[in-house]
Amino acid sequence: MISIRQLKAARVLLAWSQGDLARASGISEPTIARLESSDGPVGGRPETAAALVGALEKAGIEFIPENGGGAGVRLKKKKRQSRSPS
């Protein structure tokens, strides 16, 4: 499960507003605002968290689990398209 801080950080990395996340995830903007007004793990229904995480991952976010150094987020590297020799 991700935290509210990871959710907010992911939005910042993408330069997304709560409205952008709402459109991408299908979760209402008031619900996102309510979730982000707290701290700790993303609360609410599991389907809501899954939709938010799915939308952010589809946009290029990678969630980093707690691994001794702390949980976090980062942008995935874009894959380079291989060019065939001419």
Protein backbone atom coordinates (compact mmCIF):
# COMPACT_ATOMS: atom_id res chain seq x y z
CA MET A 1 0.00 0.00 0.00
CA ILE A 2 1.23 3.50 -0.79
CA SER A 3 1.11 6.50 1.48
CA ILE A 4 -0.63 9.84 1.02
CA ARG A 5 2.81 11.47 0.81
CA GLN A 6 3.76 9.16 -2.07
CA LEU A 7 0.48 10.00 -3.81
CA LYS A 8 1.13 13.73 -3.50
CA ALA A 9 4.77 13.37 -4.57
CA ALA A 10 3.72 11.40 -7.64
CA ARG A 11 1.31 14.16 -8.65
CA VAL A 12 4.07 16.76 -8.24
CA LEU A 13 6.50 14.76 -10.39
CA LEU A 14 3.90 14.65 -13.15
CA ALA A 15 2.87 18.31 -12.60
CA TRP A 16 -0.70 17.06 -12.16
CA SER A 17 -3.44 18.79 -10.21
CA GLN A 18 -6.01 16.84 -8.22
CA GLY A 19 -8.31 17.39 -11.21
CA ASP A 20 -5.79 15.79 -13.56
CA LEU A 21 -5.56 12.75 -11.31
CA ALA A 22 -9.35 12.62 -11.06
CA ARG A 23 -9.70 12.55 -14.86
CA ALA A 24 -6.97 9.92 -15.28
CA SER A 25 -8.23 7.63 -12.50
CA GLY A 26 -12.00 8.03 -12.64
CA ILE A 27 -11.99 8.98 -8.94
CA SER A 28 -13.78 12.22 -8.06
CA GLU A 29 -11.72 15.30 -7.25
CA PRO A 30 -13.47 15.76 -3.86
CA THR A 31 -12.52 12.18 -2.93
CA ILE A 32 -8.89 12.81 -3.86
CA ALA A 33 -8.91 16.06 -1.85
CA ARG A 34 -10.39 14.23 1.15
CA LEU A 35 -7.79 11.46 0.94
CA GLU A 36 -4.92 13.95 0.57
CA SER A 37 -6.07 15.95 3.60
CA SER A 38 -4.86 13.17 5.89
CA ASP A 39 -1.52 11.47 6.38
CA GLY A 40 -0.45 7.83 6.51
CA PRO A 41 -1.53 5.06 4.15
CA VAL A 42 -4.08 5.84 1.44
CA GLY A 43 -7.41 5.17 3.13
CA GLY A 44 -10.81 4.51 1.67
CA ARG A 45 -11.85 1.57 -0.42
CA PRO A 46 -9.14 -0.66 -1.92
CA GLU A 47 -10.60 -0.10 -5.41
CA THR A 48 -10.09 3.65 -5.01
CA ALA A 49 -6.42 3.28 -4.11
CA ALA A 50 -5.93 0.79 -6.96
CA ALA A 51 -7.44 3.24 -9.48
CA LEU A 52 -5.23 6.08 -8.25
CA VAL A 53 -2.07 3.96 -8.29
CA GLY A 54 -2.94 2.53 -11.71
CA ALA A 55 -3.42 5.97 -13.25
CA LEU A 56 -0.15 7.26 -11.83
CA GLU A 57 1.79 4.18 -12.91
CA LYS A 58 0.32 4.42 -16.41
CA ALA A 59 1.58 8.01 -16.53
CA GLY A 60 5.13 6.86 -15.71
CA ILE A 61 5.35 6.82 -11.93
CA GLU A 62 7.16 4.03 -10.12
CA PHE A 63 6.37 3.58 -6.44
CA ILE A 64 9.35 2.58 -4.33
CA PRO A 65 8.50 0.41 -1.32
CA GLU A 66 9.95 0.87 2.14
CA ASN A 67 13.36 -0.77 1.90
CA GLY A 68 15.26 0.62 4.82
CA GLY A 69 15.86 3.90 3.02
CA GLY A 70 12.24 4.99 3.05
CA ALA A 71 9.34 4.70 0.65
CA GLY A 72 9.26 7.02 -2.36
CA VAL A 73 8.35 7.64 -5.97
CA ARG A 74 10.23 8.26 -9.17
CA LEU A 75 9.60 8.67 -12.86
CA LYS A 76 10.34 5.61 -14.93
CA LYS A 77 13.00 5.99 -17.56
CA LYS A 78 11.56 6.22 -21.01
CA LYS A 79 12.60 3.31 -23.16
CA ARG A 80 14.72 4.29 -26.10
CA GLN A 81 13.49 3.14 -29.43
CA SER A 82 16.10 1.08 -31.17
CA ARG A 83 17.05 2.33 -34.58
CA SER A 84 17.96 -0.11 -37.25
CA PRO A 85 21.22 0.49 -39.12
CA SER A 86 20.81 2.15 -42.50
